[in-house]
Amino acid sequence: MHEQTMEFSVVKDNKAEIKKTLTIIYDALKEKGYNPINQIVGYILSEDPTYITTYNKARSLVRHIDRDELLQELVKSYLDV
């Protein structure tokens, strides 16, 4: 009788966590009177955390998001894949 080897794969899916964090950052920027989309794009392009307000710890939160992973999720979301 053959024994089969089971393959185990862990898929890291941080989509929900990224969305939650990005929403908090978006809301903090909006509450402080900034254009949240422009500020977040500025951060993504430059990786300069000063684009993100310190209000509600948004700047600290943005540092916990991997930029490459964020870009991947944004592209997937835009393309609905």
C-alpha atoms as a PDB file:
ATOM      1  CA  MET A   1       0.000   0.000   0.000  1.00  0.00           C
ATOM      2  CA  HIS A   2       1.338   3.420  -0.981  1.00  0.00           C
ATOM      3  CA  GLU A   3       1.616   6.168   1.527  1.00  0.00           C
ATOM      4  CA  GLN A   4       0.962   9.559   0.029  1.00  0.00           C
ATOM      5  CA  THR A   5       2.736  12.637   1.184  1.00  0.00           C
ATOM      6  CA  MET A   6       0.408  15.465   1.931  1.00  0.00           C
ATOM      7  CA  GLU A   7       1.524  18.886   0.830  1.00  0.00           C
ATOM      8  CA  PHE A   8       0.849  21.720   3.207  1.00  0.00           C
ATOM      9  CA  SER A   9       0.968  25.274   1.997  1.00  0.00           C
ATOM     10  CA  VAL A  10       0.463  28.409   4.036  1.00  0.00           C
ATOM     11  CA  VAL A  11      -0.871  31.289   2.028  1.00  0.00           C
ATOM     12  CA  LYS A  12      -0.287  34.591   3.701  1.00  0.00           C
ATOM     13  CA  ASP A  13      -3.479  36.566   3.216  1.00  0.00           C
ATOM     14  CA  ASN A  14      -3.257  39.919   4.877  1.00  0.00           C
ATOM     15  CA  LYS A  15      -5.895  41.519   2.689  1.00  0.00           C
ATOM     16  CA  ALA A  16      -8.352  42.097   5.542  1.00  0.00           C
ATOM     17  CA  GLU A  17      -5.661  43.465   7.858  1.00  0.00           C
ATOM     18  CA  ILE A  18      -4.299  45.800   5.173  1.00  0.00           C
ATOM     19  CA  LYS A  19      -7.791  47.065   4.401  1.00  0.00           C
ATOM     20  CA  LYS A  20      -8.547  47.690   8.072  1.00  0.00           C
ATOM     21  CA  THR A  21      -5.273  49.554   8.610  1.00  0.00           C
ATOM     22  CA  LEU A  22      -5.590  51.561   5.410  1.00  0.00           C
ATOM     23  CA  THR A  23      -9.137  52.552   6.367  1.00  0.00           C
ATOM     24  CA  ILE A  24      -7.934  53.843   9.756  1.00  0.00           C
ATOM     25  CA  ILE A  25      -5.181  55.822   8.009  1.00  0.00           C
ATOM     26  CA  TYR A  26      -7.632  57.173   5.421  1.00  0.00           C
ATOM     27  CA  ASP A  27     -10.072  58.281   8.138  1.00  0.00           C
ATOM     28  CA  ALA A  28      -7.320  59.959  10.176  1.00  0.00           C
ATOM     29  CA  LEU A  29      -6.110  61.909   7.142  1.00  0.00           C
ATOM     30  CA  LYS A  30      -9.653  62.939   6.243  1.00  0.00           C
ATOM     31  CA  GLU A  31     -10.407  64.058   9.812  1.00  0.00           C
ATOM     32  CA  LYS A  32      -7.302  66.256   9.778  1.00  0.00           C
ATOM     33  CA  GLY A  33      -8.411  67.908   6.522  1.00  0.00           C
ATOM     34  CA  TYR A  34      -5.987  66.237   4.118  1.00  0.00           C
ATOM     35  CA  ASN A  35      -6.839  64.631   0.791  1.00  0.00           C
ATOM     36  CA  PRO A  36      -6.367  61.010   1.922  1.00  0.00           C
ATOM     37  CA  ILE A  37      -5.873  59.540  -1.542  1.00  0.00           C
ATOM     38  CA  ASN A  38      -3.143  62.036  -2.464  1.00  0.00           C
ATOM     39  CA  GLN A  39      -1.385  61.553   0.863  1.00  0.00           C
ATOM     40  CA  ILE A  40      -1.470  57.747   0.692  1.00  0.00           C
ATOM     41  CA  VAL A  41      -0.240  57.769  -2.915  1.00  0.00           C
ATOM     42  CA  GLY A  42       2.552  60.143  -1.901  1.00  0.00           C
ATOM     43  CA  TYR A  43       3.559  57.739   0.850  1.00  0.00           C
ATOM     44  CA  ILE A  44       3.442  54.700  -1.444  1.00  0.00           C
ATOM     45  CA  LEU A  45       5.576  56.388  -4.104  1.00  0.00           C
ATOM     46  CA  SER A  46       8.158  57.881  -1.758  1.00  0.00           C
ATOM     47  CA  GLU A  47       7.948  55.699   1.357  1.00  0.00           C
ATOM     48  CA  ASP A  48       8.194  58.987   3.267  1.00  0.00           C
ATOM     49  CA  PRO A  49       6.045  58.566   6.401  1.00  0.00           C
ATOM     50  CA  THR A  50       5.565  62.344   6.734  1.00  0.00           C
ATOM     51  CA  TYR A  51       2.815  62.046   4.115  1.00  0.00           C
ATOM     52  CA  ILE A  52       0.777  60.351   6.848  1.00  0.00           C
ATOM     53  CA  THR A  53      -0.496  62.233   9.892  1.00  0.00           C
ATOM     54  CA  THR A  54       0.429  61.137  13.399  1.00  0.00           C
ATOM     55  CA  TYR A  55      -3.231  61.631  14.365  1.00  0.00           C
ATOM     56  CA  ASN A  56      -4.788  58.396  15.710  1.00  0.00           C
ATOM     57  CA  LYS A  57      -1.357  56.737  15.331  1.00  0.00           C
ATOM     58  CA  ALA A  58      -1.832  56.583  11.537  1.00  0.00           C
ATOM     59  CA  ARG A  59       1.872  57.115  10.820  1.00  0.00           C
ATOM     60  CA  SER A  60       2.810  54.293  13.146  1.00  0.00           C
ATOM     61  CA  LEU A  61       0.215  52.021  11.538  1.00  0.00           C
ATOM     62  CA  VAL A  62       1.397  52.705   7.996  1.00  0.00           C
ATOM     63  CA  ARG A  63       4.878  51.532   8.931  1.00  0.00           C
ATOM     64  CA  HIS A  64       3.455  48.085   9.711  1.00  0.00           C
ATOM     65  CA  ILE A  65       2.203  47.618   6.163  1.00  0.00           C
ATOM     66  CA  ASP A  66       4.647  46.100   3.695  1.00  0.00           C
ATOM     67  CA  ARG A  67       4.591  48.465   0.695  1.00  0.00           C
ATOM     68  CA  ASP A  68       5.056  45.676  -1.863  1.00  0.00           C
ATOM     69  CA  GLU A  69       2.210  43.703  -0.329  1.00  0.00           C
ATOM     70  CA  LEU A  70       0.036  46.826  -0.281  1.00  0.00           C
ATOM     71  CA  LEU A  71       0.714  47.474  -3.971  1.00  0.00           C
ATOM     72  CA  GLN A  72      -0.072  43.856  -4.818  1.00  0.00           C
ATOM     73  CA  GLU A  73      -3.387  44.046  -2.989  1.00  0.00           C
ATOM     74  CA  LEU A  74      -4.266  47.358  -4.648  1.00  0.00           C
ATOM     75  CA  VAL A  75      -3.585  45.978  -8.132  1.00  0.00           C
ATOM     76  CA  LYS A  76      -5.514  42.770  -7.383  1.00  0.00           C
ATOM     77  CA  SER A  77      -8.426  44.810  -6.079  1.00  0.00           C
ATOM     78  CA  TYR A  78      -8.409  47.121  -9.088  1.00  0.00           C
ATOM     79  CA  LEU A  79      -8.359  44.182 -11.493  1.00  0.00           C
ATOM     80  CA  ASP A  80     -10.824  42.111  -9.425  1.00  0.00           C
ATOM     81  CA  VAL A  81      -8.482  39.080  -9.326  1.00  0.00           C
END
